[in-house]
N, C-alpha and C. Protein backbone atom coordinates (compact mmCIF):
# COMPACT_ATOMS: atom_id res chain seq x y z
N MET A 1 -52.94 31.10 73.41
CA MET A 1 -51.92 30.36 74.13
C MET A 1 -50.54 30.75 73.57
N ASP A 2 -49.58 30.83 74.44
CA ASP A 2 -48.23 31.20 74.06
C ASP A 2 -47.61 30.19 73.10
N ASN A 3 -46.84 30.67 72.13
CA ASN A 3 -46.20 29.81 71.13
C ASN A 3 -45.31 28.74 71.76
N THR A 4 -44.54 29.16 72.78
CA THR A 4 -43.63 28.22 73.43
C THR A 4 -44.40 27.13 74.16
N LEU A 5 -45.52 27.50 74.77
CA LEU A 5 -46.35 26.52 75.48
C LEU A 5 -46.95 25.51 74.49
N LYS A 6 -47.40 25.99 73.34
CA LYS A 6 -47.93 25.08 72.31
C LYS A 6 -46.86 24.09 71.87
N TYR A 7 -45.66 24.61 71.66
CA TYR A 7 -44.54 23.75 71.27
C TYR A 7 -44.26 22.71 72.35
N ALA A 8 -44.23 23.13 73.59
CA ALA A 8 -43.93 22.22 74.71
C ALA A 8 -44.98 21.11 74.80
N MET A 9 -46.24 21.45 74.59
CA MET A 9 -47.30 20.44 74.66
C MET A 9 -47.16 19.42 73.52
N LYS A 10 -46.87 19.92 72.33
CA LYS A 10 -46.70 19.02 71.19
C LYS A 10 -45.47 18.13 71.37
N LEU A 11 -44.40 18.72 71.91
CA LEU A 11 -43.18 17.95 72.15
C LEU A 11 -43.42 16.87 73.21
N ALA A 12 -44.19 17.19 74.24
CA ALA A 12 -44.50 16.21 75.28
C ALA A 12 -45.27 15.03 74.68
N PHE A 13 -46.23 15.32 73.81
CA PHE A 13 -46.98 14.25 73.15
C PHE A 13 -46.07 13.42 72.24
N LEU A 14 -45.19 14.10 71.53
CA LEU A 14 -44.24 13.40 70.66
C LEU A 14 -43.34 12.48 71.48
N ASN A 15 -42.89 12.96 72.63
CA ASN A 15 -42.05 12.15 73.51
C ASN A 15 -42.79 10.92 74.03
N GLN A 16 -44.09 11.06 74.29
CA GLN A 16 -44.89 9.91 74.72
C GLN A 16 -44.97 8.86 73.62
N LEU A 17 -45.19 9.31 72.40
CA LEU A 17 -45.24 8.36 71.27
C LEU A 17 -43.92 7.63 71.12
N TYR A 18 -42.83 8.38 71.23
CA TYR A 18 -41.50 7.80 71.09
C TYR A 18 -41.20 6.84 72.25
N GLY A 19 -41.57 7.23 73.44
CA GLY A 19 -41.34 6.39 74.62
C GLY A 19 -42.09 5.07 74.57
N LYS A 20 -43.24 5.08 73.94
CA LYS A 20 -44.06 3.87 73.82
C LYS A 20 -43.72 3.09 72.55
N LYS A 21 -42.66 3.52 71.86
CA LYS A 21 -42.18 2.86 70.64
C LYS A 21 -43.22 2.84 69.53
N LEU A 22 -44.04 3.88 69.48
CA LEU A 22 -45.05 3.98 68.42
C LEU A 22 -44.50 4.69 67.19
N ILE A 23 -43.35 5.36 67.35
CA ILE A 23 -42.67 5.99 66.23
C ILE A 23 -41.17 5.66 66.32
N THR A 24 -40.51 5.68 65.18
CA THR A 24 -39.08 5.34 65.12
C THR A 24 -38.22 6.57 65.45
N ASP A 25 -36.91 6.34 65.61
CA ASP A 25 -35.97 7.43 65.85
C ASP A 25 -36.04 8.46 64.72
N LYS A 26 -36.06 7.96 63.50
CA LYS A 26 -36.09 8.84 62.34
C LYS A 26 -37.36 9.68 62.33
N GLU A 27 -38.51 9.05 62.57
CA GLU A 27 -39.78 9.78 62.59
C GLU A 27 -39.77 10.84 63.70
N TYR A 28 -39.26 10.47 64.87
CA TYR A 28 -39.16 11.40 66.00
C TYR A 28 -38.36 12.64 65.61
N ASN A 29 -37.20 12.43 65.03
CA ASN A 29 -36.32 13.54 64.67
C ASN A 29 -36.92 14.43 63.58
N VAL A 30 -37.58 13.82 62.61
CA VAL A 30 -38.22 14.59 61.53
C VAL A 30 -39.36 15.44 62.09
N ILE A 31 -40.20 14.84 62.91
CA ILE A 31 -41.34 15.57 63.47
C ILE A 31 -40.86 16.67 64.42
N LYS A 32 -39.86 16.36 65.26
CA LYS A 32 -39.33 17.36 66.19
C LYS A 32 -38.74 18.54 65.41
N SER A 33 -38.00 18.26 64.37
CA SER A 33 -37.41 19.32 63.56
C SER A 33 -38.50 20.18 62.93
N ASP A 34 -39.54 19.55 62.42
CA ASP A 34 -40.65 20.27 61.82
C ASP A 34 -41.35 21.15 62.86
N LEU A 35 -41.57 20.62 64.05
CA LEU A 35 -42.19 21.40 65.12
C LEU A 35 -41.34 22.62 65.46
N MET A 36 -40.03 22.43 65.53
CA MET A 36 -39.13 23.53 65.86
C MET A 36 -39.20 24.63 64.80
N LYS A 37 -39.28 24.24 63.55
CA LYS A 37 -39.38 25.22 62.47
C LYS A 37 -40.71 25.97 62.54
N LYS A 38 -41.80 25.23 62.72
CA LYS A 38 -43.13 25.85 62.75
C LYS A 38 -43.28 26.81 63.92
N HIS A 39 -42.69 26.48 65.06
CA HIS A 39 -42.83 27.31 66.25
C HIS A 39 -41.64 28.25 66.46
N LYS A 40 -40.74 28.27 65.47
CA LYS A 40 -39.59 29.16 65.50
C LYS A 40 -38.75 28.99 66.77
N ILE A 41 -38.48 27.71 67.09
CA ILE A 41 -37.65 27.36 68.23
C ILE A 41 -36.24 27.12 67.71
N VAL A 42 -35.25 27.72 68.34
CA VAL A 42 -33.86 27.58 67.93
C VAL A 42 -33.16 26.68 68.95
N SER A 43 -32.49 25.64 68.45
CA SER A 43 -31.77 24.75 69.37
C SER A 43 -30.41 25.32 69.66
N GLU A 44 -29.96 25.17 70.90
CA GLU A 44 -28.61 25.62 71.30
C GLU A 44 -27.65 24.50 71.08
N GLN A 45 -26.55 24.81 70.39
CA GLN A 45 -25.56 23.78 70.13
C GLN A 45 -24.18 24.31 70.39
């Protein structure tokens, strides 16, 4: 499976957890940052 697709699937799951208030803002940001590093995703700023 493509690296970007794996990242997208994990991010979608993370967004579901956050949307259902099962994780905090801080936890969301830490996990998202870790996912970006592991999958070598660069954010545009």
